[in-house]
């Protein structure tokens, strides 16, 4: 996917983040059948809700990589708080 500037009424930005996070104790949860697809679906739903573009998302057996494009109004900690909170409760 080509990097494109995101425009709002008052800003023009191109902010890409690379997040890597692991489940607790690096458990190998993505070996469970269907869990990786469910996780990706939940992340896509939440990102769509808070207006974040997913550039790429990949899961290994014990961690996940996400490349996200965000508006400058969201800090990296706010983004991860929203995504991790949403996926842990659903």
PDB file of N, CA and C in Angstrom:
ATOM      1  N   UNK A   1       0.836  -1.172   0.000  1.00  0.00           N
ATOM      2  CA  UNK A   1       0.000   0.000   0.000  1.00  0.00           C
ATOM      3  C   UNK A   1       0.885   1.241   0.000  1.00  0.00           C
ATOM      4  N   UNK A   2       0.564   2.185  -0.852  1.00  0.00           N
ATOM      5  CA  UNK A   2       1.329   3.408  -0.969  1.00  0.00           C
ATOM      6  C   UNK A   2       1.016   4.347   0.186  1.00  0.00           C
ATOM      7  N   UNK A   3       2.033   5.004   0.710  1.00  0.00           N
ATOM      8  CA  UNK A   3       1.815   5.979   1.778  1.00  0.00           C
ATOM      9  C   UNK A   3       1.162   7.225   1.203  1.00  0.00           C
ATOM     10  N   UNK A   4       0.042   7.592   1.761  1.00  0.00           N
ATOM     11  CA  UNK A   4      -0.672   8.773   1.316  1.00  0.00           C
ATOM     12  C   UNK A   4      -0.856   9.701   2.507  1.00  0.00           C
ATOM     13  N   UNK A   5      -0.788  10.981   2.222  1.00  0.00           N
ATOM     14  CA  UNK A   5      -1.029  11.955   3.270  1.00  0.00           C
ATOM     15  C   UNK A   5      -2.501  11.940   3.646  1.00  0.00           C
ATOM     16  N   UNK A   6      -2.754  12.066   4.936  1.00  0.00           N
ATOM     17  CA  UNK A   6      -4.131  12.136   5.426  1.00  0.00           C
ATOM     18  C   UNK A   6      -4.452  13.595   5.681  1.00  0.00           C
ATOM     19  N   UNK A   7      -5.556  14.031   5.146  1.00  0.00           N
ATOM     20  CA  UNK A   7      -5.932  15.436   5.239  1.00  0.00           C
ATOM     21  C   UNK A   7      -7.211  15.588   6.044  1.00  0.00           C
ATOM     22  N   UNK A   8      -7.180  16.543   6.957  1.00  0.00           N
ATOM     23  CA  UNK A   8      -8.384  16.969   7.658  1.00  0.00           C
ATOM     24  C   UNK A   8      -8.576  18.442   7.330  1.00  0.00           C
ATOM     25  N   UNK A   9      -9.512  19.059   7.989  1.00  0.00           N
ATOM     26  CA  UNK A   9      -9.787  20.462   7.699  1.00  0.00           C
ATOM     27  C   UNK A   9      -8.586  21.359   8.041  1.00  0.00           C
ATOM     28  N   UNK A  10      -7.824  20.995   9.056  1.00  0.00           N
ATOM     29  CA  UNK A  10      -6.730  21.864   9.506  1.00  0.00           C
ATOM     30  C   UNK A  10      -5.343  21.232   9.448  1.00  0.00           C
ATOM     31  N   UNK A  11      -5.226  19.939   9.128  1.00  0.00           N
ATOM     32  CA  UNK A  11      -3.912  19.300   9.150  1.00  0.00           C
ATOM     33  C   UNK A  11      -3.683  18.429   7.920  1.00  0.00           C
ATOM     34  N   UNK A  12      -2.413  18.250   7.638  1.00  0.00           N
ATOM     35  CA  UNK A  12      -1.968  17.267   6.650  1.00  0.00           C
ATOM     36  C   UNK A  12      -0.900  16.447   7.359  1.00  0.00           C
ATOM     37  N   UNK A  13      -1.065  15.132   7.391  1.00  0.00           N
ATOM     38  CA  UNK A  13      -0.124  14.317   8.151  1.00  0.00           C
ATOM     39  C   UNK A  13       0.120  12.974   7.485  1.00  0.00           C
ATOM     40  N   UNK A  14       1.256  12.409   7.837  1.00  0.00           N
ATOM     41  CA  UNK A  14       1.603  11.043   7.453  1.00  0.00           C
ATOM     42  C   UNK A  14       2.318  10.430   8.652  1.00  0.00           C
ATOM     43  N   UNK A  15       1.551   9.798   9.518  1.00  0.00           N
ATOM     44  CA  UNK A  15       2.099   9.214  10.744  1.00  0.00           C
ATOM     45  C   UNK A  15       1.863   7.712  10.700  1.00  0.00           C
ATOM     46  N   UNK A  16       2.949   6.963  10.580  1.00  0.00           N
ATOM     47  CA  UNK A  16       2.883   5.510  10.565  1.00  0.00           C
ATOM     48  C   UNK A  16       3.547   4.969  11.828  1.00  0.00           C
ATOM     49  N   UNK A  17       2.921   3.991  12.430  1.00  0.00           N
ATOM     50  CA  UNK A  17       3.454   3.360  13.629  1.00  0.00           C
ATOM     51  C   UNK A  17       3.663   1.873  13.368  1.00  0.00           C
ATOM     52  N   UNK A  18       4.701   1.326  13.999  1.00  0.00           N
ATOM     53  CA  UNK A  18       4.935  -0.113  13.988  1.00  0.00           C
ATOM     54  C   UNK A  18       4.828  -0.576  15.434  1.00  0.00           C
ATOM     55  N   UNK A  19       3.809  -1.366  15.714  1.00  0.00           N
ATOM     56  CA  UNK A  19       3.592  -1.885  17.059  1.00  0.00           C
ATOM     57  C   UNK A  19       3.866  -3.382  17.061  1.00  0.00           C
ATOM     58  N   UNK A  20       4.537  -3.838  18.094  1.00  0.00           N
ATOM     59  CA  UNK A  20       4.738  -5.264  18.332  1.00  0.00           C
ATOM     60  C   UNK A  20       4.307  -5.513  19.761  1.00  0.00           C
ATOM     61  N   UNK A  21       3.408  -6.480  19.951  1.00  0.00           N
ATOM     62  CA  UNK A  21       3.074  -6.832  21.332  1.00  0.00           C
ATOM     63  C   UNK A  21       2.839  -8.321  21.472  1.00  0.00           C
ATOM     64  N   UNK A  22       3.043  -8.774  22.688  1.00  0.00           N
ATOM     65  CA  UNK A  22       2.972 -10.196  23.010  1.00  0.00           C
ATOM     66  C   UNK A  22       1.864 -10.429  24.018  1.00  0.00           C
ATOM     67  N   UNK A  23       1.250 -11.611  23.978  1.00  0.00           N
ATOM     68  CA  UNK A  23       0.323 -11.960  25.050  1.00  0.00           C
ATOM     69  C   UNK A  23       1.099 -12.220  26.335  1.00  0.00           C
ATOM     70  N   UNK A  24       0.376 -12.314  27.398  1.00  0.00           N
ATOM     71  CA  UNK A  24       0.984 -12.520  28.697  1.00  0.00           C
ATOM     72  C   UNK A  24       1.862 -13.771  28.722  1.00  0.00           C
ATOM     73  N   UNK A  25       3.045 -13.637  29.252  1.00  0.00           N
ATOM     74  CA  UNK A  25       4.021 -14.727  29.375  1.00  0.00           C
ATOM     75  C   UNK A  25       4.396 -15.346  28.021  1.00  0.00           C
ATOM     76  N   UNK A  26       4.192 -14.589  26.949  1.00  0.00           N
ATOM     77  CA  UNK A  26       4.489 -15.045  25.580  1.00  0.00           C
ATOM     78  C   UNK A  26       3.854 -16.413  25.277  1.00  0.00           C
ATOM     79  N   UNK A  27       2.640 -16.587  25.732  1.00  0.00           N
ATOM     80  CA  UNK A  27       1.918 -17.828  25.435  1.00  0.00           C
ATOM     81  C   UNK A  27       1.709 -17.920  23.925  1.00  0.00           C
ATOM     82  N   UNK A  28       1.710 -19.100  23.421  1.00  0.00           N
ATOM     83  CA  UNK A  28       1.586 -19.339  21.982  1.00  0.00           C
ATOM     84  C   UNK A  28       0.110 -19.435  21.591  1.00  0.00           C
ATOM     85  N   UNK A  29      -0.613 -18.322  21.748  1.00  0.00           N
ATOM     86  CA  UNK A  29      -2.059 -18.337  21.543  1.00  0.00           C
ATOM     87  C   UNK A  29      -2.450 -18.396  20.074  1.00  0.00           C
ATOM     88  N   UNK A  30      -1.593 -17.924  19.179  1.00  0.00           N
ATOM     89  CA  UNK A  30      -1.981 -17.906  17.770  1.00  0.00           C
ATOM     90  C   UNK A  30      -1.848 -19.275  17.106  1.00  0.00           C
ATOM     91  N   UNK A  31      -1.411 -20.297  17.864  1.00  0.00           N
ATOM     92  CA  UNK A  31      -1.442 -21.668  17.360  1.00  0.00           C
ATOM     93  C   UNK A  31      -2.851 -22.250  17.445  1.00  0.00           C
ATOM     94  N   UNK A  32      -3.718 -21.638  18.230  1.00  0.00           N
ATOM     95  CA  UNK A  32      -5.099 -22.108  18.366  1.00  0.00           C
ATOM     96  C   UNK A  32      -5.842 -21.808  17.065  1.00  0.00           C
ATOM     97  N   UNK A  33      -6.540 -22.800  16.567  1.00  0.00           N
ATOM     98  CA  UNK A  33      -7.211 -22.681  15.276  1.00  0.00           C
ATOM     99  C   UNK A  33      -8.292 -21.595  15.294  1.00  0.00           C
ATOM    100  N   UNK A  34      -8.240 -20.693  14.320  1.00  0.00           N
ATOM    101  CA  UNK A  34      -9.251 -19.656  14.166  1.00  0.00           C
ATOM    102  C   UNK A  34      -9.010 -18.400  14.991  1.00  0.00           C
ATOM    103  N   UNK A  35      -8.086 -18.450  15.945  1.00  0.00           N
ATOM    104  CA  UNK A  35      -7.864 -17.296  16.816  1.00  0.00           C
ATOM    105  C   UNK A  35      -7.198 -16.139  16.081  1.00  0.00           C
ATOM    106  N   UNK A  36      -6.278 -16.433  15.197  1.00  0.00           N
ATOM    107  CA  UNK A  36      -5.596 -15.382  14.446  1.00  0.00           C
ATOM    108  C   UNK A  36      -6.575 -14.606  13.577  1.00  0.00           C
ATOM    109  N   UNK A  37      -7.468 -15.313  12.890  1.00  0.00           N
ATOM    110  CA  UNK A  37      -8.471 -14.645  12.047  1.00  0.00           C
ATOM    111  C   UNK A  37      -9.423 -13.797  12.888  1.00  0.00           C
ATOM    112  N   UNK A  38      -9.834 -14.309  14.032  1.00  0.00           N
ATOM    113  CA  UNK A  38     -10.724 -13.565  14.926  1.00  0.00           C
ATOM    114  C   UNK A  38     -10.035 -12.306  15.450  1.00  0.00           C
ATOM    115  N   UNK A  39      -8.766 -12.437  15.819  1.00  0.00           N
ATOM    116  CA  UNK A  39      -8.000 -11.294  16.311  1.00  0.00           C
ATOM    117  C   UNK A  39      -7.891 -10.215  15.235  1.00  0.00           C
ATOM    118  N   UNK A  40      -7.557 -10.612  14.028  1.00  0.00           N
ATOM    119  CA  UNK A  40      -7.424  -9.636  12.936  1.00  0.00           C
ATOM    120  C   UNK A  40      -8.747  -8.942  12.649  1.00  0.00           C
ATOM    121  N   UNK A  41      -9.843  -9.674  12.706  1.00  0.00           N
ATOM    122  CA  UNK A  41     -11.164  -9.085  12.493  1.00  0.00           C
ATOM    123  C   UNK A  41     -11.486  -8.056  13.572  1.00  0.00           C
ATOM    124  N   UNK A  42     -11.199  -8.388  14.821  1.00  0.00           N
ATOM    125  CA  UNK A  42     -11.458  -7.451  15.915  1.00  0.00           C
ATOM    126  C   UNK A  42     -10.608  -6.193  15.781  1.00  0.00           C
ATOM    127  N   UNK A  43      -9.343  -6.346  15.418  1.00  0.00           N
ATOM    128  CA  UNK A  43      -8.467  -5.190  15.253  1.00  0.00           C
ATOM    129  C   UNK A  43      -8.963  -4.313  14.104  1.00  0.00           C
ATOM    130  N   UNK A  44      -9.372  -4.933  13.006  1.00  0.00           N
ATOM    131  CA  UNK A  44      -9.889  -4.157  11.868  1.00  0.00           C
ATOM    132  C   UNK A  44     -11.147  -3.387  12.249  1.00  0.00           C
ATOM    133  N   UNK A  45     -12.028  -4.013  13.001  1.00  0.00           N
ATOM    134  CA  UNK A  45     -13.247  -3.330  13.439  1.00  0.00           C
ATOM    135  C   UNK A  45     -12.929  -2.128  14.320  1.00  0.00           C
ATOM    136  N   UNK A  46     -12.035  -2.307  15.266  1.00  0.00           N
ATOM    137  CA  UNK A  46     -11.693  -1.212  16.182  1.00  0.00           C
ATOM    138  C   UNK A  46     -10.971  -0.087  15.449  1.00  0.00           C
ATOM    139  N   UNK A  47     -10.073  -0.431  14.540  1.00  0.00           N
ATOM    140  CA  UNK A  47      -9.353   0.596  13.786  1.00  0.00           C
ATOM    141  C   UNK A  47     -10.295   1.395  12.889  1.00  0.00           C
ATOM    142  N   UNK A  48     -11.261   0.727  12.324  1.00  0.00           N
ATOM    143  CA  UNK A  48     -12.251   1.424  11.508  1.00  0.00           C
ATOM    144  C   UNK A  48     -13.072   2.382  12.376  1.00  0.00           C
ATOM    145  N   UNK A  49     -13.377   1.958  13.584  1.00  0.00           N
ATOM    146  CA  UNK A  49     -14.171   2.767  14.512  1.00  0.00           C
ATOM    147  C   UNK A  49     -13.435   4.040  14.943  1.00  0.00           C
ATOM    148  N   UNK A  50     -12.125   3.958  15.159  1.00  0.00           N
ATOM    149  CA  UNK A  50     -11.372   5.133  15.620  1.00  0.00           C
ATOM    150  C   UNK A  50     -10.563   5.786  14.499  1.00  0.00           C
ATOM    151  N   UNK A  51     -10.875   5.471  13.247  1.00  0.00           N
ATOM    152  CA  UNK A  51     -10.305   6.111  12.057  1.00  0.00           C
ATOM    153  C   UNK A  51      -8.792   5.919  11.957  1.00  0.00           C
ATOM    154  N   UNK A  52      -8.371   4.663  12.006  1.00  0.00           N
ATOM    155  CA  UNK A  52      -6.974   4.299  11.804  1.00  0.00           C
ATOM    156  C   UNK A  52      -6.906   3.362  10.610  1.00  0.00           C
ATOM    157  N   UNK A  53      -5.943   3.600   9.718  1.00  0.00           N
ATOM    158  CA  UNK A  53      -5.751   2.719   8.570  1.00  0.00           C
ATOM    159  C   UNK A  53      -4.746   1.636   8.932  1.00  0.00           C
ATOM    160  N   UNK A  54      -5.062   0.409   8.579  1.00  0.00           N
ATOM    161  CA  UNK A  54      -4.134  -0.703   8.799  1.00  0.00           C
ATOM    162  C   UNK A  54      -3.321  -0.881   7.524  1.00  0.00           C
ATOM    163  N   UNK A  55      -2.019  -0.710   7.635  1.00  0.00           N
ATOM    164  CA  UNK A  55      -1.133  -0.928   6.498  1.00  0.00           C
ATOM    165  C   UNK A  55      -0.828  -2.412   6.389  1.00  0.00           C
ATOM    166  N   UNK A  56      -0.500  -3.030   7.507  1.00  0.00           N
ATOM    167  CA  UNK A  56      -0.241  -4.476   7.546  1.00  0.00           C
ATOM    168  C   UNK A  56      -0.437  -4.974   8.963  1.00  0.00           C
ATOM    169  N   UNK A  57      -0.858  -6.222   9.062  1.00  0.00           N
ATOM    170  CA  UNK A  57      -0.985  -6.873  10.373  1.00  0.00           C
ATOM    171  C   UNK A  57      -0.622  -8.351  10.182  1.00  0.00           C
ATOM    172  N   UNK A  58       0.334  -8.811  10.972  1.00  0.00           N
ATOM    173  CA  UNK A  58       0.789 -10.193  10.893  1.00  0.00           C
ATOM    174  C   UNK A  58       0.940 -10.757  12.296  1.00  0.00           C
ATOM    175  N   UNK A  59       0.617 -12.020  12.431  1.00  0.00           N
ATOM    176  CA  UNK A  59       0.725 -12.696  13.729  1.00  0.00           C
ATOM    177  C   UNK A  59       1.681 -13.868  13.615  1.00  0.00           C
ATOM    178  N   UNK A  60       2.554 -13.988  14.584  1.00  0.00           N
ATOM    179  CA  UNK A  60       3.390 -15.172  14.727  1.00  0.00           C
ATOM    180  C   UNK A  60       2.772 -15.986  15.854  1.00  0.00           C
ATOM    181  N   UNK A  61       3.386 -17.086  16.249  1.00  0.00           N
ATOM    182  CA  UNK A  61       2.757 -17.935  17.253  1.00  0.00           C
ATOM    183  C   UNK A  61       2.635 -17.272  18.621  1.00  0.00           C
ATOM    184  N   UNK A  62       3.532 -16.315  18.945  1.00  0.00           N
ATOM    185  CA  UNK A  62       3.483 -15.715  20.278  1.00  0.00           C
ATOM    186  C   UNK A  62       3.560 -14.188  20.288  1.00  0.00           C
ATOM    187  N   UNK A  63       3.408 -13.532  19.147  1.00  0.00           N
ATOM    188  CA  UNK A  63       3.373 -12.068  19.107  1.00  0.00           C
ATOM    189  C   UNK A  63       2.726 -11.607  17.806  1.00  0.00           C
ATOM    190  N   UNK A  64       2.456 -10.308  17.734  1.00  0.00           N
ATOM    191  CA  UNK A  64       1.840  -9.747  16.540  1.00  0.00           C
ATOM    192  C   UNK A  64       2.519  -8.434  16.170  1.00  0.00           C
ATOM    193  N   UNK A  65       2.604  -8.170  14.873  1.00  0.00           N
ATOM    194  CA  UNK A  65       3.145  -6.922  14.329  1.00  0.00           C
ATOM    195  C   UNK A  65       2.004  -6.179  13.654  1.00  0.00           C
ATOM    196  N   UNK A  66       1.922  -4.888  13.922  1.00  0.00           N
ATOM    197  CA  UNK A  66       0.910  -4.061  13.262  1.00  0.00           C
ATOM    198  C   UNK A  66       1.564  -2.789  12.751  1.00  0.00           C
ATOM    199  N   UNK A  67       1.305  -2.474  11.488  1.00  0.00           N
ATOM    200  CA  UNK A  67       1.726  -1.219  10.896  1.00  0.00           C
ATOM    201  C   UNK A  67       0.464  -0.402  10.692  1.00  0.00           C
ATOM    202  N   UNK A  68       0.368   0.730  11.385  1.00  0.00           N
ATOM    203  CA  UNK A  68      -0.852   1.527  11.376  1.00  0.00           C
ATOM    204  C   UNK A  68      -0.560   2.960  10.961  1.00  0.00           C
ATOM    205  N   UNK A  69      -1.528   3.572  10.281  1.00  0.00           N
ATOM    206  CA  UNK A  69      -1.466   4.974   9.897  1.00  0.00           C
ATOM    207  C   UNK A  69      -2.550   5.697  10.678  1.00  0.00           C
ATOM    208  N   UNK A  70      -2.157   6.755  11.390  1.00  0.00           N
ATOM    209  CA  UNK A  70      -3.075   7.403  12.301  1.00  0.00           C
ATOM    210  C   UNK A  70      -3.074   8.910  12.111  1.00  0.00           C
ATOM    211  N   UNK A  71      -4.113   9.537  12.602  1.00  0.00           N
ATOM    212  CA  UNK A  71      -4.171  10.990  12.649  1.00  0.00           C
ATOM    213  C   UNK A  71      -3.355  11.484  13.841  1.00  0.00           C
ATOM    214  N   UNK A  72      -2.888  12.742  13.821  1.00  0.00           N
ATOM    215  CA  UNK A  72      -2.062  13.239  14.922  1.00  0.00           C
ATOM    216  C   UNK A  72      -2.824  13.449  16.233  1.00  0.00           C
ATOM    217  N   UNK A  73      -4.130  13.317  16.226  1.00  0.00           N
ATOM    218  CA  UNK A  73      -4.892  13.506  17.459  1.00  0.00           C
ATOM    219  C   UNK A  73      -4.793  12.304  18.396  1.00  0.00           C
ATOM    220  N   UNK A  74      -4.348  11.158  17.882  1.00  0.00           N
ATOM    221  CA  UNK A  74      -4.209   9.953  18.706  1.00  0.00           C
ATOM    222  C   UNK A  74      -2.742   9.683  19.003  1.00  0.00           C
ATOM    223  N   UNK A  75      -2.423   9.510  20.270  1.00  0.00           N
ATOM    224  CA  UNK A  75      -1.058   9.151  20.642  1.00  0.00           C
ATOM    225  C   UNK A  75      -0.880   7.640  20.501  1.00  0.00           C
ATOM    226  N   UNK A  76       0.359   7.170  20.412  1.00  0.00           N
ATOM    227  CA  UNK A  76       0.581   5.718  20.328  1.00  0.00           C
ATOM    228  C   UNK A  76      -0.004   4.963  21.520  1.00  0.00           C
ATOM    229  N   UNK A  77       0.085   5.536  22.711  1.00  0.00           N
ATOM    230  CA  UNK A  77      -0.464   4.842  23.882  1.00  0.00           C
ATOM    231  C   UNK A  77      -1.990   4.769  23.819  1.00  0.00           C
ATOM    232  N   UNK A  78      -2.636   5.819  23.296  1.00  0.00           N
ATOM    233  CA  UNK A  78      -4.099   5.794  23.134  1.00  0.00           C
ATOM    234  C   UNK A  78      -4.521   4.722  22.127  1.00  0.00           C
ATOM    235  N   UNK A  79      -3.773   4.606  21.057  1.00  0.00           N
ATOM    236  CA  UNK A  79      -4.087   3.614  20.025  1.00  0.00           C
ATOM    237  C   UNK A  79      -4.016   2.214  20.610  1.00  0.00           C
ATOM    238  N   UNK A  80      -2.911   1.902  21.299  1.00  0.00           N
ATOM    239  CA  UNK A  80      -2.756   0.561  21.846  1.00  0.00           C
ATOM    240  C   UNK A  80      -3.729   0.305  22.982  1.00  0.00           C
ATOM    241  N   UNK A  81      -4.049   1.315  23.757  1.00  0.00           N
ATOM    242  CA  UNK A  81      -5.036   1.155  24.829  1.00  0.00           C
ATOM    243  C   UNK A  81      -6.386   0.760  24.243  1.00  0.00           C
ATOM    244  N   UNK A  82      -6.780   1.419  23.155  1.00  0.00           N
ATOM    245  CA  UNK A  82      -8.050   1.092  22.502  1.00  0.00           C
ATOM    246  C   UNK A  82      -8.043  -0.314  21.919  1.00  0.00           C
ATOM    247  N   UNK A  83      -6.992  -0.658  21.195  1.00  0.00           N
ATOM    248  CA  UNK A  83      -6.942  -1.962  20.509  1.00  0.00           C
ATOM    249  C   UNK A  83      -6.819  -3.108  21.512  1.00  0.00           C
ATOM    250  N   UNK A  84      -5.886  -3.008  22.444  1.00  0.00           N
ATOM    251  CA  UNK A  84      -5.685  -4.103  23.397  1.00  0.00           C
ATOM    252  C   UNK A  84      -6.878  -4.251  24.334  1.00  0.00           C
ATOM    253  N   UNK A  85      -7.476  -3.131  24.737  1.00  0.00           N
ATOM    254  CA  UNK A  85      -8.657  -3.199  25.600  1.00  0.00           C
ATOM    255  C   UNK A  85      -9.819  -3.848  24.897  1.00  0.00           C
ATOM    256  N   UNK A  86     -10.031  -3.498  23.630  1.00  0.00           N
ATOM    257  CA  UNK A  86     -11.142  -4.040  22.849  1.00  0.00           C
ATOM    258  C   UNK A  86     -10.968  -5.531  22.593  1.00  0.00           C
ATOM    259  N   UNK A  87      -9.773  -5.952  22.192  1.00  0.00           N
ATOM    260  CA  UNK A  87      -9.558  -7.357  21.867  1.00  0.00           C
ATOM    261  C   UNK A  87      -9.532  -8.248  23.109  1.00  0.00           C
ATOM    262  N   UNK A  88      -9.210  -7.695  24.254  1.00  0.00           N
ATOM    263  CA  UNK A  88      -9.178  -8.541  25.458  1.00  0.00           C
ATOM    264  C   UNK A  88     -10.568  -8.769  26.035  1.00  0.00           C
ATOM    265  N   UNK A  89     -11.489  -7.851  25.785  1.00  0.00           N
ATOM    266  CA  UNK A  89     -12.813  -7.965  26.390  1.00  0.00           C
ATOM    267  C   UNK A  89     -13.829  -8.681  25.517  1.00  0.00           C
ATOM    268  N   UNK A  90     -13.577  -8.794  24.229  1.00  0.00           N
ATOM    269  CA  UNK A  90     -14.543  -9.396  23.315  1.00  0.00           C
ATOM    270  C   UNK A  90     -14.189 -10.842  23.063  1.00  0.00           C
TER     271      UNK A  90
END
